[in-house]
């Protein structure tokens, strides 16, 4: 399993997380395009989580939560905020970064090319060309095939609702085999299968994902 956490999880006991068998985690490091008080606190908490998770032995990556708008400068500002937040901890990041894109703003469902242009500008300013795109399964079709061809997909899909996902690999594989189309992507690399995971060292529920690349080729 792969965790993704934010400041909402509070203080995390990363050695306990590692002892439970978790080896990979994503940490929110930035959101939006303004380095205001909330973003500075997000950076502080995110950097601390990255440092502690890395020290405990986990592979760690970071993600940016996007607030996209039509204005091109907005994408540039968000990329700059992300790059600045990552700079002090780059040597501890061992997983590719991710762009969390689940708010649509003025970029309507009928504007996939505008969405791609916004993301392209963000990628350029963030200095993170090899980035995963996190997106709810129901929104995958809002992106053009040209973007899918150059950004691996991290899809959010909760077939078990608010319940914790099964720990049995065969059950995960069975459900994944019956997933709906992810078009324009042919497959996902990561599958966030629940927001109700329970992990030692973390108070409350936590988002958990599966590395789809570890499933058999005919199940992707």
N, C-alpha and C. Protein backbone atom coordinates (compact mmCIF):
# COMPACT_ATOMS: atom_id res chain seq x y z
N UNK A 1 0.83 -1.20 0.00
CA UNK A 1 0.00 0.00 0.00
C UNK A 1 0.87 1.26 0.00
N UNK A 2 0.33 2.32 -0.56
CA UNK A 2 0.99 3.62 -0.61
C UNK A 2 0.08 4.61 0.11
N UNK A 3 0.63 5.35 1.04
CA UNK A 3 -0.14 6.35 1.77
C UNK A 3 -0.02 7.71 1.10
N UNK A 4 -1.04 8.54 1.23
CA UNK A 4 -0.84 9.97 0.96
C UNK A 4 -1.44 10.75 2.11
N UNK A 5 -0.63 11.66 2.65
CA UNK A 5 -0.98 12.37 3.87
C UNK A 5 -0.82 13.87 3.68
N UNK A 6 -1.43 14.61 4.60
CA UNK A 6 -1.31 16.07 4.63
C UNK A 6 -1.23 16.50 6.08
N UNK A 7 -1.28 17.80 6.30
CA UNK A 7 -1.24 18.30 7.67
C UNK A 7 -2.48 17.86 8.46
N UNK A 8 -3.53 17.42 7.75
CA UNK A 8 -4.75 16.97 8.42
C UNK A 8 -4.51 15.75 9.30
N UNK A 9 -3.46 14.98 9.02
CA UNK A 9 -3.16 13.79 9.82
C UNK A 9 -2.42 14.13 11.11
N UNK A 10 -2.03 15.38 11.29
CA UNK A 10 -1.31 15.76 12.50
C UNK A 10 0.08 15.13 12.56
N UNK A 11 0.56 14.90 13.76
CA UNK A 11 1.89 14.31 13.96
C UNK A 11 1.82 12.81 13.66
N UNK A 12 2.68 12.35 12.76
CA UNK A 12 2.69 10.95 12.35
C UNK A 12 3.92 10.25 12.94
N UNK A 13 3.71 9.06 13.45
CA UNK A 13 4.81 8.25 13.95
C UNK A 13 5.32 7.39 12.80
N UNK A 14 6.28 7.91 12.06
CA UNK A 14 6.73 7.24 10.85
C UNK A 14 7.44 5.91 11.11
N UNK A 15 8.23 5.75 12.18
CA UNK A 15 8.78 4.42 12.47
C UNK A 15 7.68 3.36 12.64
N UNK A 16 6.55 3.73 13.26
CA UNK A 16 5.44 2.79 13.41
C UNK A 16 4.82 2.47 12.05
N UNK A 17 4.70 3.48 11.19
CA UNK A 17 4.19 3.25 9.84
C UNK A 17 5.08 2.25 9.11
N UNK A 18 6.38 2.47 9.19
CA UNK A 18 7.33 1.57 8.52
C UNK A 18 7.23 0.16 9.10
N UNK A 19 7.13 0.05 10.41
CA UNK A 19 7.05 -1.26 11.06
C UNK A 19 5.80 -2.02 10.65
N UNK A 20 4.76 -1.30 10.23
CA UNK A 20 3.52 -1.96 9.80
C UNK A 20 3.63 -2.57 8.41
N UNK A 21 4.72 -2.27 7.72
CA UNK A 21 4.93 -2.82 6.37
C UNK A 21 4.78 -1.83 5.25
N UNK A 22 4.37 -0.60 5.56
CA UNK A 22 4.24 0.45 4.54
C UNK A 22 5.64 0.92 4.14
N UNK A 23 5.88 1.02 2.84
CA UNK A 23 7.19 1.42 2.34
C UNK A 23 7.16 2.66 1.45
N UNK A 24 5.98 3.16 1.12
CA UNK A 24 5.87 4.31 0.21
C UNK A 24 4.83 5.29 0.73
N UNK A 25 5.12 6.59 0.59
CA UNK A 25 4.17 7.61 1.04
C UNK A 25 4.31 8.86 0.20
N UNK A 26 3.17 9.51 -0.04
CA UNK A 26 3.12 10.83 -0.66
C UNK A 26 2.67 11.84 0.39
N UNK A 27 3.28 13.01 0.35
CA UNK A 27 3.01 14.06 1.33
C UNK A 27 2.59 15.34 0.61
N UNK A 28 1.49 15.95 1.03
CA UNK A 28 1.12 17.23 0.43
C UNK A 28 2.12 18.29 0.87
N UNK A 29 2.64 19.04 -0.09
CA UNK A 29 3.64 20.06 0.19
C UNK A 29 3.15 21.45 -0.18
N UNK A 30 2.11 21.54 -1.04
CA UNK A 30 1.65 22.87 -1.46
C UNK A 30 0.23 22.80 -1.99
N UNK A 31 -0.39 23.98 -2.08
CA UNK A 31 -1.76 24.10 -2.58
C UNK A 31 -1.97 25.52 -3.08
N UNK A 32 -2.53 25.63 -4.28
CA UNK A 32 -2.80 26.95 -4.83
C UNK A 32 -1.54 27.70 -5.22
N UNK A 33 -1.70 29.01 -5.45
CA UNK A 33 -0.60 29.80 -5.96
C UNK A 33 -0.15 30.95 -5.09
N UNK A 34 -0.56 30.95 -3.83
CA UNK A 34 -0.18 32.03 -2.92
C UNK A 34 0.57 31.46 -1.73
N UNK A 35 1.72 32.05 -1.43
CA UNK A 35 2.49 31.58 -0.27
C UNK A 35 2.05 32.38 0.95
N UNK A 36 0.79 32.17 1.34
CA UNK A 36 0.22 32.86 2.49
C UNK A 36 0.51 32.06 3.77
N UNK A 37 -0.13 32.45 4.87
CA UNK A 37 0.11 31.77 6.12
C UNK A 37 -0.24 30.29 6.09
N UNK A 38 -1.36 29.98 5.44
CA UNK A 38 -1.77 28.58 5.35
C UNK A 38 -0.75 27.76 4.55
N UNK A 39 -0.23 28.34 3.47
CA UNK A 39 0.76 27.62 2.67
C UNK A 39 2.08 27.47 3.42
N UNK A 40 2.49 28.46 4.16
CA UNK A 40 3.72 28.33 4.94
C UNK A 40 3.60 27.22 5.98
N UNK A 41 2.42 27.09 6.60
CA UNK A 41 2.21 26.01 7.56
C UNK A 41 2.19 24.66 6.84
N UNK A 42 1.59 24.64 5.63
CA UNK A 42 1.57 23.42 4.83
C UNK A 42 2.98 22.98 4.47
N UNK A 43 3.82 23.94 4.10
CA UNK A 43 5.22 23.64 3.79
C UNK A 43 5.94 23.09 5.02
N UNK A 44 5.73 23.74 6.16
CA UNK A 44 6.42 23.31 7.38
C UNK A 44 6.05 21.87 7.73
N UNK A 45 4.73 21.59 7.74
CA UNK A 45 4.27 20.25 8.09
C UNK A 45 4.71 19.22 7.04
N UNK A 46 4.61 19.62 5.77
CA UNK A 46 4.99 18.70 4.70
C UNK A 46 6.46 18.35 4.71
N UNK A 47 7.31 19.36 4.88
CA UNK A 47 8.75 19.10 4.92
C UNK A 47 9.11 18.22 6.10
N UNK A 48 8.47 18.47 7.24
CA UNK A 48 8.76 17.67 8.43
C UNK A 48 8.35 16.22 8.20
N UNK A 49 7.20 16.00 7.57
CA UNK A 49 6.77 14.64 7.27
C UNK A 49 7.72 13.96 6.29
N UNK A 50 8.17 14.68 5.28
CA UNK A 50 9.11 14.10 4.32
C UNK A 50 10.40 13.69 5.02
N UNK A 51 10.95 14.58 5.83
CA UNK A 51 12.20 14.30 6.53
C UNK A 51 12.06 13.09 7.44
N UNK A 52 10.98 13.03 8.21
CA UNK A 52 10.79 11.95 9.16
C UNK A 52 10.46 10.63 8.46
N UNK A 53 9.65 10.67 7.41
CA UNK A 53 9.33 9.44 6.68
C UNK A 53 10.58 8.87 6.01
N UNK A 54 11.37 9.75 5.41
CA UNK A 54 12.61 9.32 4.76
C UNK A 54 13.56 8.72 5.79
N UNK A 55 13.67 9.35 6.95
CA UNK A 55 14.57 8.86 8.00
C UNK A 55 14.11 7.49 8.52
N UNK A 56 12.80 7.24 8.47
CA UNK A 56 12.27 5.96 8.94
C UNK A 56 12.46 4.85 7.92
N UNK A 57 12.85 5.21 6.70
CA UNK A 57 13.13 4.20 5.68
C UNK A 57 12.14 4.14 4.54
N UNK A 58 11.15 5.04 4.51
CA UNK A 58 10.16 5.01 3.44
C UNK A 58 10.66 5.72 2.19
N UNK A 59 10.16 5.27 1.03
CA UNK A 59 10.30 6.02 -0.22
C UNK A 59 9.25 7.12 -0.19
N UNK A 60 9.64 8.36 -0.50
CA UNK A 60 8.72 9.50 -0.31
C UNK A 60 8.61 10.35 -1.57
N UNK A 61 7.40 10.81 -1.83
CA UNK A 61 7.14 11.78 -2.87
C UNK A 61 6.24 12.88 -2.33
N UNK A 62 6.08 13.96 -3.09
CA UNK A 62 5.22 15.06 -2.67
C UNK A 62 4.21 15.38 -3.75
N UNK A 63 3.12 16.05 -3.33
CA UNK A 63 2.11 16.44 -4.32
C UNK A 63 1.62 17.86 -4.07
N UNK A 64 1.12 18.45 -5.15
CA UNK A 64 0.55 19.80 -5.13
C UNK A 64 -0.93 19.70 -5.41
N UNK A 65 -1.75 20.37 -4.58
CA UNK A 65 -3.20 20.41 -4.80
C UNK A 65 -3.52 21.67 -5.62
N UNK A 66 -4.02 21.46 -6.82
CA UNK A 66 -4.21 22.56 -7.77
C UNK A 66 -5.53 23.29 -7.57
N UNK A 67 -5.49 24.60 -7.81
CA UNK A 67 -6.69 25.44 -7.89
C UNK A 67 -6.70 26.10 -9.27
N UNK A 68 -6.95 25.35 -10.33
CA UNK A 68 -6.81 25.86 -11.69
C UNK A 68 -7.85 26.90 -12.06
N UNK A 69 -7.39 27.90 -12.81
CA UNK A 69 -8.27 28.89 -13.40
C UNK A 69 -7.81 29.11 -14.83
N UNK A 70 -8.54 29.91 -15.58
CA UNK A 70 -8.21 30.17 -16.97
C UNK A 70 -6.93 30.97 -17.09
N UNK A 71 -6.70 31.88 -16.15
CA UNK A 71 -5.57 32.79 -16.23
C UNK A 71 -4.25 32.03 -16.23
N UNK A 72 -3.43 32.25 -17.26
CA UNK A 72 -2.17 31.53 -17.37
C UNK A 72 -1.24 31.82 -16.20
N UNK A 73 -1.27 33.04 -15.71
CA UNK A 73 -0.39 33.41 -14.60
C UNK A 73 -0.66 32.57 -13.36
N UNK A 74 -1.90 32.13 -13.22
CA UNK A 74 -2.26 31.30 -12.08
C UNK A 74 -1.49 29.99 -12.08
N UNK A 75 -1.36 29.34 -13.24
CA UNK A 75 -0.60 28.10 -13.35
C UNK A 75 0.87 28.34 -13.03
N UNK A 76 1.40 29.46 -13.50
CA UNK A 76 2.80 29.80 -13.24
C UNK A 76 3.01 30.00 -11.74
N UNK A 77 2.11 30.75 -11.10
CA UNK A 77 2.23 31.00 -9.65
C UNK A 77 2.20 29.69 -8.87
N UNK A 78 1.32 28.78 -9.25
CA UNK A 78 1.21 27.51 -8.53
C UNK A 78 2.46 26.66 -8.72
N UNK A 79 3.03 26.68 -9.93
CA UNK A 79 4.27 25.94 -10.16
C UNK A 79 5.41 26.49 -9.34
N UNK A 80 5.48 27.81 -9.22
CA UNK A 80 6.54 28.45 -8.43
C UNK A 80 6.40 28.10 -6.95
N UNK A 81 5.16 28.11 -6.44
CA UNK A 81 4.93 27.76 -5.04
C UNK A 81 5.38 26.33 -4.77
N UNK A 82 5.03 25.41 -5.67
CA UNK A 82 5.43 24.01 -5.50
C UNK A 82 6.94 23.85 -5.52
N UNK A 83 7.60 24.48 -6.49
CA UNK A 83 9.06 24.36 -6.60
C UNK A 83 9.74 24.90 -5.34
N UNK A 84 9.26 26.04 -4.84
CA UNK A 84 9.86 26.62 -3.65
C UNK A 84 9.66 25.76 -2.42
N UNK A 85 8.50 25.12 -2.32
CA UNK A 85 8.23 24.27 -1.17
C UNK A 85 9.12 23.03 -1.18
N UNK A 86 9.45 22.53 -2.36
CA UNK A 86 10.25 21.31 -2.49
C UNK A 86 11.75 21.53 -2.33
N UNK A 87 12.21 22.71 -2.63
CA UNK A 87 13.65 22.96 -2.77
C UNK A 87 14.48 22.47 -1.57
N UNK A 88 14.08 22.71 -0.31
CA UNK A 88 14.94 22.29 0.81
C UNK A 88 14.98 20.78 1.05
N UNK A 89 14.07 20.03 0.43
CA UNK A 89 13.98 18.59 0.72
C UNK A 89 14.18 17.72 -0.51
N UNK A 90 14.70 18.28 -1.59
CA UNK A 90 14.83 17.54 -2.83
C UNK A 90 15.66 16.27 -2.67
N UNK A 91 16.66 16.31 -1.79
CA UNK A 91 17.53 15.15 -1.63
C UNK A 91 16.84 13.99 -0.91
N UNK A 92 15.65 14.22 -0.36
CA UNK A 92 14.92 13.17 0.34
C UNK A 92 13.74 12.63 -0.47
N UNK A 93 13.51 13.18 -1.64
CA UNK A 93 12.38 12.77 -2.47
C UNK A 93 12.82 11.67 -3.43
N UNK A 94 12.22 10.50 -3.28
CA UNK A 94 12.62 9.35 -4.08
C UNK A 94 11.51 8.82 -4.98
N UNK A 95 10.32 9.41 -4.90
CA UNK A 95 9.21 9.07 -5.79
C UNK A 95 8.91 10.26 -6.69
N UNK A 96 8.37 10.02 -7.88
CA UNK A 96 8.02 11.15 -8.76
C UNK A 96 6.94 12.01 -8.12
N UNK A 97 6.94 13.32 -8.37
CA UNK A 97 5.91 14.19 -7.79
C UNK A 97 4.55 13.93 -8.43
N UNK A 98 3.51 14.49 -7.81
CA UNK A 98 2.15 14.33 -8.33
C UNK A 98 1.42 15.67 -8.29
N UNK A 99 0.56 15.86 -9.28
CA UNK A 99 -0.31 17.03 -9.35
C UNK A 99 -1.73 16.57 -9.08
N UNK A 100 -2.31 17.02 -7.98
CA UNK A 100 -3.66 16.65 -7.58
C UNK A 100 -4.63 17.60 -8.26
N UNK A 101 -5.35 17.10 -9.26
CA UNK A 101 -6.22 17.95 -10.07
C UNK A 101 -7.66 17.44 -9.92
N UNK A 102 -8.40 18.02 -9.00
CA UNK A 102 -9.78 17.60 -8.79
C UNK A 102 -10.72 18.78 -8.59
N UNK A 103 -10.23 20.00 -8.76
CA UNK A 103 -11.08 21.19 -8.77
C UNK A 103 -11.00 21.81 -10.16
N UNK A 104 -12.14 22.26 -10.68
CA UNK A 104 -12.19 22.63 -12.08
C UNK A 104 -12.28 24.13 -12.30
N UNK A 105 -12.75 24.89 -11.33
CA UNK A 105 -12.78 26.33 -11.47
C UNK A 105 -13.47 26.76 -12.75
N UNK A 106 -12.85 27.69 -13.46
CA UNK A 106 -13.43 28.22 -14.70
C UNK A 106 -13.10 27.34 -15.90
N UNK A 107 -12.26 26.30 -15.70
CA UNK A 107 -11.93 25.40 -16.80
C UNK A 107 -13.04 24.35 -16.88
N UNK A 108 -14.04 24.61 -17.70
CA UNK A 108 -15.25 23.80 -17.75
C UNK A 108 -14.99 22.43 -18.35
N UNK A 109 -15.94 21.48 -18.16
CA UNK A 109 -15.76 20.14 -18.73
C UNK A 109 -15.53 20.14 -20.23
N UNK A 110 -15.96 21.18 -20.92
CA UNK A 110 -15.78 21.23 -22.37
C UNK A 110 -14.47 21.85 -22.81
N UNK A 111 -13.51 21.99 -21.90
CA UNK A 111 -12.28 22.69 -22.26
C UNK A 111 -11.04 21.84 -21.94
N UNK A 112 -10.93 20.63 -22.51
CA UNK A 112 -9.77 19.79 -22.20
C UNK A 112 -8.45 20.40 -22.65
N UNK A 113 -8.45 21.13 -23.76
CA UNK A 113 -7.20 21.73 -24.25
C UNK A 113 -6.74 22.85 -23.32
N UNK A 114 -7.68 23.62 -22.81
CA UNK A 114 -7.32 24.66 -21.85
C UNK A 114 -6.76 24.03 -20.58
N UNK A 115 -7.30 22.90 -20.20
CA UNK A 115 -6.81 22.17 -19.03
C UNK A 115 -5.38 21.70 -19.27
N UNK A 116 -5.12 21.19 -20.46
CA UNK A 116 -3.77 20.74 -20.79
C UNK A 116 -2.79 21.91 -20.81
N UNK A 117 -3.21 23.04 -21.33
CA UNK A 117 -2.33 24.21 -21.35
C UNK A 117 -2.00 24.66 -19.93
N UNK A 118 -3.00 24.65 -19.06
CA UNK A 118 -2.76 25.04 -17.67
C UNK A 118 -1.73 24.12 -17.03
N UNK A 119 -1.91 22.82 -17.21
CA UNK A 119 -1.00 21.83 -16.61
C UNK A 119 0.39 21.96 -17.21
N UNK A 120 0.48 22.20 -18.52
CA UNK A 120 1.79 22.34 -19.17
C UNK A 120 2.57 23.52 -18.58
N UNK A 121 1.86 24.61 -18.34
CA UNK A 121 2.52 25.78 -17.74
C UNK A 121 2.97 25.46 -16.31
N UNK A 122 2.14 24.72 -15.58
CA UNK A 122 2.51 24.33 -14.21
C UNK A 122 3.75 23.44 -14.23
N UNK A 123 3.79 22.48 -15.14
CA UNK A 123 4.94 21.58 -15.23
C UNK A 123 6.22 22.34 -15.53
N UNK A 124 6.12 23.31 -16.41
CA UNK A 124 7.30 24.09 -16.79
C UNK A 124 7.83 24.88 -15.61
N UNK A 125 6.95 25.52 -14.86
CA UNK A 125 7.39 26.35 -13.74
C UNK A 125 7.80 25.53 -12.52
N UNK A 126 7.20 24.37 -12.36
CA UNK A 126 7.50 23.56 -11.19
C UNK A 126 8.83 22.84 -11.30
N UNK A 127 9.33 22.70 -12.53
CA UNK A 127 10.57 21.97 -12.73
C UNK A 127 10.41 20.49 -12.49
N UNK A 128 9.18 19.97 -12.66
CA UNK A 128 8.89 18.57 -12.38
C UNK A 128 8.22 17.92 -13.59
N UNK A 129 8.98 17.67 -14.66
CA UNK A 129 8.38 17.14 -15.88
C UNK A 129 7.82 15.73 -15.74
N UNK A 130 8.43 14.89 -14.89
CA UNK A 130 7.97 13.50 -14.72
C UNK A 130 6.98 13.43 -13.57
N UNK A 131 5.78 13.94 -13.81
CA UNK A 131 4.78 14.10 -12.76
C UNK A 131 3.57 13.22 -13.00
N UNK A 132 3.07 12.59 -11.95
CA UNK A 132 1.82 11.86 -12.01
C UNK A 132 0.65 12.84 -11.95
N UNK A 133 -0.42 12.53 -12.65
CA UNK A 133 -1.65 13.33 -12.55
C UNK A 133 -2.65 12.55 -11.72
N UNK A 134 -3.02 13.11 -10.57
CA UNK A 134 -4.03 12.52 -9.70
C UNK A 134 -5.39 13.07 -10.12
N UNK A 135 -6.35 12.16 -10.33
CA UNK A 135 -7.66 12.58 -10.81
C UNK A 135 -8.71 11.55 -10.41
N UNK A 136 -9.92 11.97 -10.03
CA UNK A 136 -11.01 11.01 -9.81
C UNK A 136 -11.33 10.26 -11.10
N UNK A 137 -11.68 8.99 -10.98
CA UNK A 137 -11.96 8.18 -12.17
C UNK A 137 -13.04 8.80 -13.04
N UNK A 138 -14.06 9.39 -12.41
CA UNK A 138 -15.18 9.95 -13.16
C UNK A 138 -14.79 11.18 -13.98
N UNK A 139 -13.59 11.73 -13.73
CA UNK A 139 -13.18 12.95 -14.43
C UNK A 139 -12.06 12.70 -15.45
N UNK A 140 -11.65 11.46 -15.61
CA UNK A 140 -10.54 11.18 -16.54
C UNK A 140 -10.83 11.67 -17.95
N UNK A 141 -12.06 11.56 -18.38
CA UNK A 141 -12.41 11.92 -19.76
C UNK A 141 -12.34 13.42 -20.01
N UNK A 142 -12.12 14.21 -18.97
CA UNK A 142 -12.03 15.66 -19.14
C UNK A 142 -10.65 16.12 -19.62
N UNK A 143 -9.76 15.16 -19.81
CA UNK A 143 -8.41 15.49 -20.27
C UNK A 143 -8.18 14.92 -21.66
N UNK A 144 -7.38 15.61 -22.49
CA UNK A 144 -7.13 15.13 -23.85
C UNK A 144 -6.13 13.99 -23.88
N UNK A 145 -6.18 13.20 -24.96
CA UNK A 145 -5.27 12.06 -25.11
C UNK A 145 -3.82 12.50 -25.16
N UNK A 146 -3.56 13.71 -25.68
CA UNK A 146 -2.18 14.20 -25.76
C UNK A 146 -1.57 14.38 -24.38
N UNK A 147 -2.39 14.75 -23.38
CA UNK A 147 -1.89 14.87 -22.01
C UNK A 147 -1.70 13.49 -21.39
N UNK A 148 -2.65 12.59 -21.64
CA UNK A 148 -2.55 11.23 -21.10
C UNK A 148 -1.29 10.53 -21.61
N UNK A 149 -0.86 10.88 -22.81
CA UNK A 149 0.31 10.24 -23.39
C UNK A 149 1.61 10.63 -22.69
N UNK A 150 1.61 11.75 -21.96
CA UNK A 150 2.86 12.18 -21.33
C UNK A 150 2.79 12.31 -19.82
N UNK A 151 1.62 12.06 -19.22
CA UNK A 151 1.50 12.11 -17.76
C UNK A 151 0.88 10.81 -17.25
N UNK A 152 1.62 10.01 -16.48
CA UNK A 152 1.04 8.81 -15.89
C UNK A 152 -0.13 9.17 -14.97
N UNK A 153 -1.08 8.25 -14.85
CA UNK A 153 -2.31 8.51 -14.10
C UNK A 153 -2.27 7.88 -12.71
N UNK A 154 -2.67 8.67 -11.73
CA UNK A 154 -2.95 8.19 -10.37
C UNK A 154 -4.45 8.39 -10.20
N UNK A 155 -5.22 7.33 -10.30
CA UNK A 155 -6.67 7.45 -10.32
C UNK A 155 -7.26 7.22 -8.93
N UNK A 156 -8.25 8.03 -8.59
CA UNK A 156 -8.99 7.87 -7.33
C UNK A 156 -10.32 7.20 -7.63
N UNK A 157 -10.54 6.04 -7.02
CA UNK A 157 -11.77 5.29 -7.23
C UNK A 157 -11.98 4.43 -5.99
N UNK A 158 -13.13 4.63 -5.31
CA UNK A 158 -13.38 3.96 -4.03
C UNK A 158 -14.52 2.94 -4.18
N UNK A 159 -14.27 1.77 -4.69
CA UNK A 159 -15.35 0.79 -4.87
C UNK A 159 -15.93 0.27 -3.57
N UNK A 160 -15.21 0.46 -2.44
CA UNK A 160 -15.71 0.02 -1.14
C UNK A 160 -16.32 1.17 -0.33
N UNK A 161 -16.53 2.30 -0.98
CA UNK A 161 -17.15 3.44 -0.31
C UNK A 161 -16.32 3.92 0.86
N UNK A 162 -16.95 4.09 2.01
CA UNK A 162 -16.27 4.59 3.20
C UNK A 162 -15.57 3.49 4.00
N UNK A 163 -15.71 2.26 3.55
CA UNK A 163 -15.07 1.15 4.27
C UNK A 163 -13.59 1.06 3.91
N UNK A 164 -12.84 0.46 4.81
CA UNK A 164 -11.42 0.23 4.52
C UNK A 164 -11.29 -0.79 3.40
N UNK A 165 -10.27 -0.67 2.55
CA UNK A 165 -10.10 -1.62 1.45
C UNK A 165 -9.67 -2.97 1.98
N UNK A 166 -9.91 -4.04 1.22
CA UNK A 166 -9.44 -5.36 1.65
C UNK A 166 -7.92 -5.43 1.63
N UNK A 167 -7.36 -6.26 2.47
CA UNK A 167 -5.91 -6.46 2.47
C UNK A 167 -5.51 -7.63 1.59
N UNK A 168 -6.51 -8.40 1.16
CA UNK A 168 -6.24 -9.56 0.33
C UNK A 168 -5.92 -9.13 -1.11
N UNK A 169 -4.75 -9.51 -1.59
CA UNK A 169 -4.32 -9.09 -2.93
C UNK A 169 -5.26 -9.61 -4.00
N UNK A 170 -5.76 -10.85 -3.83
CA UNK A 170 -6.64 -11.43 -4.84
C UNK A 170 -7.93 -10.64 -4.99
N UNK A 171 -8.46 -10.13 -3.86
CA UNK A 171 -9.69 -9.33 -3.92
C UNK A 171 -9.45 -7.99 -4.60
N UNK A 172 -8.32 -7.35 -4.30
CA UNK A 172 -7.97 -6.12 -4.99
C UNK A 172 -7.86 -6.35 -6.48
N UNK A 173 -7.20 -7.42 -6.86
CA UNK A 173 -7.02 -7.75 -8.27
C UNK A 173 -8.36 -8.02 -8.95
N UNK A 174 -9.25 -8.74 -8.26
CA UNK A 174 -10.56 -9.05 -8.84
C UNK A 174 -11.34 -7.77 -9.14
N UNK A 175 -11.33 -6.83 -8.18
CA UNK A 175 -12.08 -5.58 -8.37
C UNK A 175 -11.45 -4.74 -9.47
N UNK A 176 -10.11 -4.66 -9.47
CA UNK A 176 -9.44 -3.86 -10.50
C UNK A 176 -9.72 -4.41 -11.89
N UNK A 177 -9.82 -5.71 -12.02
CA UNK A 177 -10.09 -6.33 -13.32
C UNK A 177 -11.41 -5.87 -13.91
N UNK A 178 -12.31 -5.39 -13.07
CA UNK A 178 -13.64 -5.00 -13.53
C UNK A 178 -13.84 -3.48 -13.52
N UNK A 179 -12.73 -2.72 -13.51
CA UNK A 179 -12.88 -1.27 -13.47
C UNK A 179 -13.41 -0.72 -14.79
N UNK A 180 -14.04 0.44 -14.70
CA UNK A 180 -14.55 1.09 -15.90
C UNK A 180 -13.39 1.72 -16.67
N UNK A 181 -13.70 2.19 -17.85
CA UNK A 181 -12.68 2.80 -18.70
C UNK A 181 -12.04 4.01 -18.04
N UNK A 182 -10.73 4.14 -18.25
CA UNK A 182 -9.99 5.30 -17.75
C UNK A 182 -9.67 6.25 -18.90
N UNK A 183 -10.31 6.06 -20.03
CA UNK A 183 -10.04 6.84 -21.24
C UNK A 183 -9.95 8.34 -20.92
N UNK A 184 -8.92 9.02 -21.47
CA UNK A 184 -8.00 8.62 -22.55
C UNK A 184 -6.76 7.84 -22.11
N UNK A 185 -6.62 7.53 -20.83
CA UNK A 185 -5.50 6.70 -20.40
C UNK A 185 -5.81 5.23 -20.68
N UNK A 186 -4.81 4.47 -21.03
CA UNK A 186 -4.99 3.04 -21.22
C UNK A 186 -4.97 2.30 -19.89
N UNK A 187 -4.22 2.83 -18.93
CA UNK A 187 -4.15 2.22 -17.61
C UNK A 187 -3.65 3.27 -16.62
N UNK A 188 -3.78 2.95 -15.35
CA UNK A 188 -3.26 3.81 -14.29
C UNK A 188 -1.99 3.19 -13.72
N UNK A 189 -1.14 4.03 -13.14
CA UNK A 189 0.02 3.52 -12.43
C UNK A 189 -0.30 3.33 -10.95
N UNK A 190 -1.03 4.28 -10.37
CA UNK A 190 -1.46 4.17 -8.98
C UNK A 190 -2.98 4.24 -8.91
N UNK A 191 -3.54 3.51 -7.97
CA UNK A 191 -4.99 3.49 -7.76
C UNK A 191 -5.26 3.81 -6.29
N UNK A 192 -5.80 5.01 -6.04
CA UNK A 192 -6.22 5.35 -4.67
C UNK A 192 -7.58 4.68 -4.46
N UNK A 193 -7.57 3.61 -3.65
CA UNK A 193 -8.75 2.77 -3.53
C UNK A 193 -9.60 3.06 -2.30
N UNK A 194 -9.09 3.90 -1.39
CA UNK A 194 -9.87 4.21 -0.19
C UNK A 194 -9.34 5.46 0.50
N UNK A 195 -10.23 6.16 1.16
CA UNK A 195 -9.84 7.27 2.04
C UNK A 195 -10.03 6.87 3.49
N UNK A 196 -10.24 5.57 3.73
CA UNK A 196 -10.57 5.09 5.07
C UNK A 196 -9.59 4.04 5.56
N UNK A 197 -8.32 4.15 5.12
CA UNK A 197 -7.33 3.23 5.58
C UNK A 197 -6.98 3.45 7.05
N UNK A 198 -6.55 2.38 7.71
CA UNK A 198 -6.12 2.45 9.10
C UNK A 198 -4.70 1.93 9.18
N UNK A 199 -3.78 2.79 9.64
CA UNK A 199 -2.37 2.45 9.66
C UNK A 199 -1.78 2.78 11.03
N UNK A 200 -1.06 1.87 11.66
CA UNK A 200 -0.39 2.19 12.93
C UNK A 200 0.53 3.40 12.77
N UNK A 201 0.48 4.30 13.75
CA UNK A 201 1.29 5.50 13.70
C UNK A 201 0.56 6.72 13.19
N UNK A 202 -0.66 6.51 12.65
CA UNK A 202 -1.46 7.63 12.14
C UNK A 202 -2.80 7.63 12.84
N UNK A 203 -3.16 8.75 13.43
CA UNK A 203 -4.45 8.88 14.10
C UNK A 203 -5.54 9.11 13.06
N UNK A 204 -6.61 8.34 13.15
CA UNK A 204 -7.72 8.50 12.23
C UNK A 204 -7.47 7.80 10.91
N UNK A 205 -8.33 8.10 9.95
CA UNK A 205 -8.28 7.45 8.64
C UNK A 205 -7.27 8.14 7.73
N UNK A 206 -6.82 7.39 6.72
CA UNK A 206 -5.82 7.92 5.81
C UNK A 206 -6.06 7.35 4.41
N UNK A 207 -5.75 8.14 3.39
CA UNK A 207 -5.87 7.68 2.01
C UNK A 207 -4.84 6.60 1.71
N UNK A 208 -5.28 5.54 1.05
CA UNK A 208 -4.35 4.47 0.67
C UNK A 208 -4.49 4.16 -0.82
N UNK A 209 -3.38 3.84 -1.45
CA UNK A 209 -3.35 3.53 -2.87
C UNK A 209 -2.64 2.21 -3.11
N UNK A 210 -2.90 1.65 -4.29
CA UNK A 210 -2.26 0.43 -4.75
C UNK A 210 -1.40 0.76 -5.95
N UNK A 211 -0.21 0.16 -6.03
CA UNK A 211 0.65 0.32 -7.20
C UNK A 211 0.18 -0.66 -8.27
N UNK A 212 -0.53 -0.15 -9.26
CA UNK A 212 -1.11 -1.00 -10.30
C UNK A 212 -0.02 -1.68 -11.11
N UNK A 213 1.17 -1.10 -11.15
CA UNK A 213 2.26 -1.69 -11.91
C UNK A 213 2.70 -3.03 -11.35
N UNK A 214 2.29 -3.34 -10.12
CA UNK A 214 2.62 -4.63 -9.52
C UNK A 214 1.58 -5.70 -9.83
N UNK A 215 0.48 -5.30 -10.48
CA UNK A 215 -0.52 -6.27 -10.89
C UNK A 215 -0.10 -6.90 -12.22
N UNK A 216 -0.61 -8.09 -12.53
CA UNK A 216 -0.27 -8.72 -13.82
C UNK A 216 -0.63 -7.81 -14.98
N UNK A 217 0.11 -7.93 -16.05
CA UNK A 217 -0.05 -7.05 -17.21
C UNK A 217 -1.47 -7.05 -17.75
N UNK A 218 -2.15 -8.20 -17.74
CA UNK A 218 -3.50 -8.26 -18.31
C UNK A 218 -4.54 -7.65 -17.40
N UNK A 219 -4.12 -7.16 -16.21
CA UNK A 219 -5.07 -6.54 -15.29
C UNK A 219 -4.92 -5.04 -15.24
N UNK A 220 -4.04 -4.47 -16.05
CA UNK A 220 -3.82 -3.03 -16.00
C UNK A 220 -4.84 -2.29 -16.84
